[in-house]
Amino acid sequence: MQPNQVSPWGNAPVRGEDAVAREQASFIRKVYGWMAVALGVSGAVAWYTVSSGLLEKIMTTNPSLLNIAMIGELVLVIALSFLVRRLSWPLAALMFLVYSVFTGFTLSIVFLVYTSASIVSVFLMTSGVFAALALYGLFTERNLAPMGGFLI
């Protein structure tokens, strides 16, 4: 069928392969953009929590607050997964950003266990591998799912 023909299953026009490819690429860019924002928010919150002394204060005065935050993070991700199709776009985006804040707060304890240099090097290595595999999948258009077991 030509791109502007009408579908035999209804009145919706049939999209050409180029339009579908552009839409898919736009979707993937948005997903990666949101993930980059979430990583940035989580990293900034974790860094602030440790560098401001907030984590040490919480650990000495009310250590159960970290557990409450972890439970809140879990409840939020479950709620998001069940409600995402029914939420308005701004509310879903806000909940995702709040989840990113929770994640940064709960992962801030990593800064107390490992050195900043090791955290940065692991982050750069995993980011590099992710970028390389994403580009490989993008340009070769191969499904990398069968490699999952090996890559883990």
Protein backbone atom coordinates (compact mmCIF):
# COMPACT_ATOMS: atom_id res chain seq x y z
CA MET A 1 0.00 0.00 0.00
CA GLN A 2 1.07 3.54 -0.60
CA PRO A 3 1.59 5.82 2.43
CA ASN A 4 -1.60 7.81 1.86
CA GLN A 5 -3.95 4.94 1.10
CA VAL A 6 -6.81 4.04 3.40
CA SER A 7 -6.47 0.86 5.45
CA PRO A 8 -8.84 -1.98 4.53
CA TRP A 9 -9.63 -2.34 8.27
CA GLY A 10 -10.97 1.16 8.78
CA ASN A 11 -10.72 4.77 7.76
CA ALA A 12 -7.27 5.39 9.29
CA PRO A 13 -4.61 6.13 6.71
CA VAL A 14 -1.79 3.61 6.39
CA ARG A 15 1.57 5.00 7.44
CA GLY A 16 4.63 4.57 5.31
CA GLU A 17 7.69 2.79 6.65
CA ASP A 18 9.60 6.07 6.87
CA ALA A 19 6.93 7.66 9.06
CA VAL A 20 6.92 4.65 11.39
CA ALA A 21 10.72 4.67 11.60
CA ARG A 22 10.73 8.40 12.42
CA GLU A 23 8.09 7.89 15.10
CA GLN A 24 10.03 5.00 16.63
CA ALA A 25 13.27 7.02 16.64
CA SER A 26 11.47 9.95 18.27
CA PHE A 27 10.05 7.64 20.94
CA ILE A 28 13.46 6.11 21.69
CA ARG A 29 15.03 9.59 21.95
CA LYS A 30 12.36 10.60 24.46
CA VAL A 31 12.87 7.43 26.50
CA TYR A 32 16.65 7.96 26.62
CA GLY A 33 16.11 11.63 27.44
CA TRP A 34 13.85 10.82 30.38
CA MET A 35 16.26 8.17 31.61
CA ALA A 36 19.13 10.67 31.41
CA VAL A 37 17.09 13.19 33.42
CA ALA A 38 16.21 10.52 36.00
CA LEU A 39 19.86 9.46 36.34
CA GLY A 40 20.88 13.09 36.74
CA VAL A 41 18.22 13.75 39.39
CA SER A 42 19.09 10.55 41.28
CA GLY A 43 22.81 11.30 41.15
CA ALA A 44 22.34 14.90 42.26
CA VAL A 45 20.10 13.89 45.17
CA ALA A 46 22.53 11.15 46.26
CA TRP A 47 25.48 13.54 46.07
CA TYR A 48 23.62 16.28 47.96
CA THR A 49 22.39 13.85 50.62
CA VAL A 50 25.96 12.77 51.35
CA SER A 51 27.81 16.06 50.85
CA SER A 52 25.39 18.07 53.00
CA GLY A 53 25.74 15.65 55.91
CA LEU A 54 22.05 14.80 55.71
CA LEU A 55 22.68 11.07 55.42
CA GLU A 56 24.90 10.95 58.52
CA LYS A 57 22.31 12.96 60.43
CA ILE A 58 19.53 10.60 59.37
CA MET A 59 21.61 7.52 60.18
CA THR A 60 22.36 8.78 63.70
CA THR A 61 18.97 10.27 64.60
CA ASN A 62 16.41 8.11 62.76
CA PRO A 63 17.91 5.21 60.78
CA SER A 64 14.45 3.78 60.04
CA LEU A 65 13.80 6.77 57.76
CA LEU A 66 16.00 5.15 55.11
CA ASN A 67 13.88 1.98 55.30
CA ILE A 68 10.70 4.05 55.04
CA ALA A 69 12.13 5.75 51.94
CA MET A 70 12.92 2.36 50.39
CA ILE A 71 9.37 1.16 51.03
CA GLY A 72 8.01 4.44 49.63
CA GLU A 73 10.15 3.97 46.52
CA LEU A 74 8.78 0.45 46.05
CA VAL A 75 5.17 1.59 46.57
CA LEU A 76 5.67 4.44 44.08
CA VAL A 77 7.12 2.20 41.36
CA ILE A 78 4.27 -0.31 41.80
CA ALA A 79 1.70 2.49 41.64
CA LEU A 80 3.35 3.92 38.54
CA SER A 81 3.40 0.55 36.79
CA PHE A 82 -0.31 -0.03 37.44
CA LEU A 83 -1.53 3.53 36.81
CA VAL A 84 0.75 4.81 34.05
CA ARG A 85 -1.84 4.41 31.29
CA ARG A 86 -4.53 6.20 33.31
CA LEU A 87 -2.43 9.10 34.63
CA SER A 88 -2.21 12.42 32.89
CA TRP A 89 1.16 13.10 31.30
CA PRO A 90 2.21 15.80 33.81
CA LEU A 91 1.25 13.64 36.81
CA ALA A 92 3.10 10.61 35.42
CA ALA A 93 6.19 12.76 34.77
CA LEU A 94 6.01 14.20 38.30
CA MET A 95 5.69 10.74 39.83
CA PHE A 96 8.67 9.56 37.78
CA LEU A 97 10.77 12.49 38.99
CA VAL A 98 9.70 11.85 42.60
CA TYR A 99 10.73 8.22 42.11
CA SER A 100 14.11 9.46 40.87
CA VAL A 101 14.49 11.55 44.03
CA PHE A 102 13.63 8.53 46.20
CA THR A 103 16.15 6.43 44.27
CA GLY A 104 18.88 9.02 44.74
CA PHE A 105 18.14 9.27 48.45
CA THR A 106 18.10 5.51 49.03
CA LEU A 107 21.23 4.92 46.94
CA SER A 108 23.14 7.69 48.72
CA ILE A 109 24.38 5.12 51.18
CA VAL A 110 26.63 3.82 48.40
CA PHE A 111 28.70 7.00 48.81
CA LEU A 112 29.49 5.98 52.38
CA VAL A 113 30.71 2.53 51.36
CA TYR A 114 32.72 3.25 48.19
CA THR A 115 35.07 6.02 47.16
CA SER A 116 33.90 8.75 44.79
CA ALA A 117 36.52 7.66 42.26
CA SER A 118 35.20 4.09 42.14
CA ILE A 119 31.59 5.30 41.86
CA VAL A 120 32.48 7.62 38.97
CA SER A 121 34.52 4.95 37.17
CA VAL A 122 31.73 2.35 37.45
CA PHE A 123 29.16 4.91 36.29
CA LEU A 124 31.31 5.85 33.27
CA MET A 125 31.95 2.20 32.39
CA THR A 126 28.29 1.21 32.54
CA SER A 127 27.23 4.35 30.67
CA GLY A 128 29.80 3.61 27.98
CA VAL A 129 28.70 -0.01 27.58
CA PHE A 130 25.04 1.04 27.48
CA ALA A 131 25.77 3.71 24.85
CA ALA A 132 27.83 1.29 22.75
CA LEU A 133 25.13 -1.39 22.83
CA ALA A 134 22.37 1.16 22.13
CA LEU A 135 24.27 2.48 19.12
CA TYR A 136 25.03 -1.05 17.95
CA GLY A 137 21.35 -1.98 18.17
CA LEU A 138 20.33 1.26 16.48
CA PHE A 139 22.67 1.01 13.52
CA THR A 140 22.54 -2.75 12.96
CA GLU A 141 18.83 -2.99 13.84
CA ARG A 142 19.59 -6.30 15.57
CA ASN A 143 17.64 -7.50 18.57
CA LEU A 144 20.11 -7.82 21.43
CA ALA A 145 17.71 -9.72 23.72
CA PRO A 146 19.24 -13.15 22.95
CA MET A 147 22.58 -11.83 24.23
CA GLY A 148 21.02 -10.89 27.61
CA GLY A 149 22.14 -13.98 29.52
CA PHE A 150 25.69 -13.68 28.23
CA LEU A 151 25.91 -9.94 28.93
CA ILE A 152 24.71 -10.30 32.51
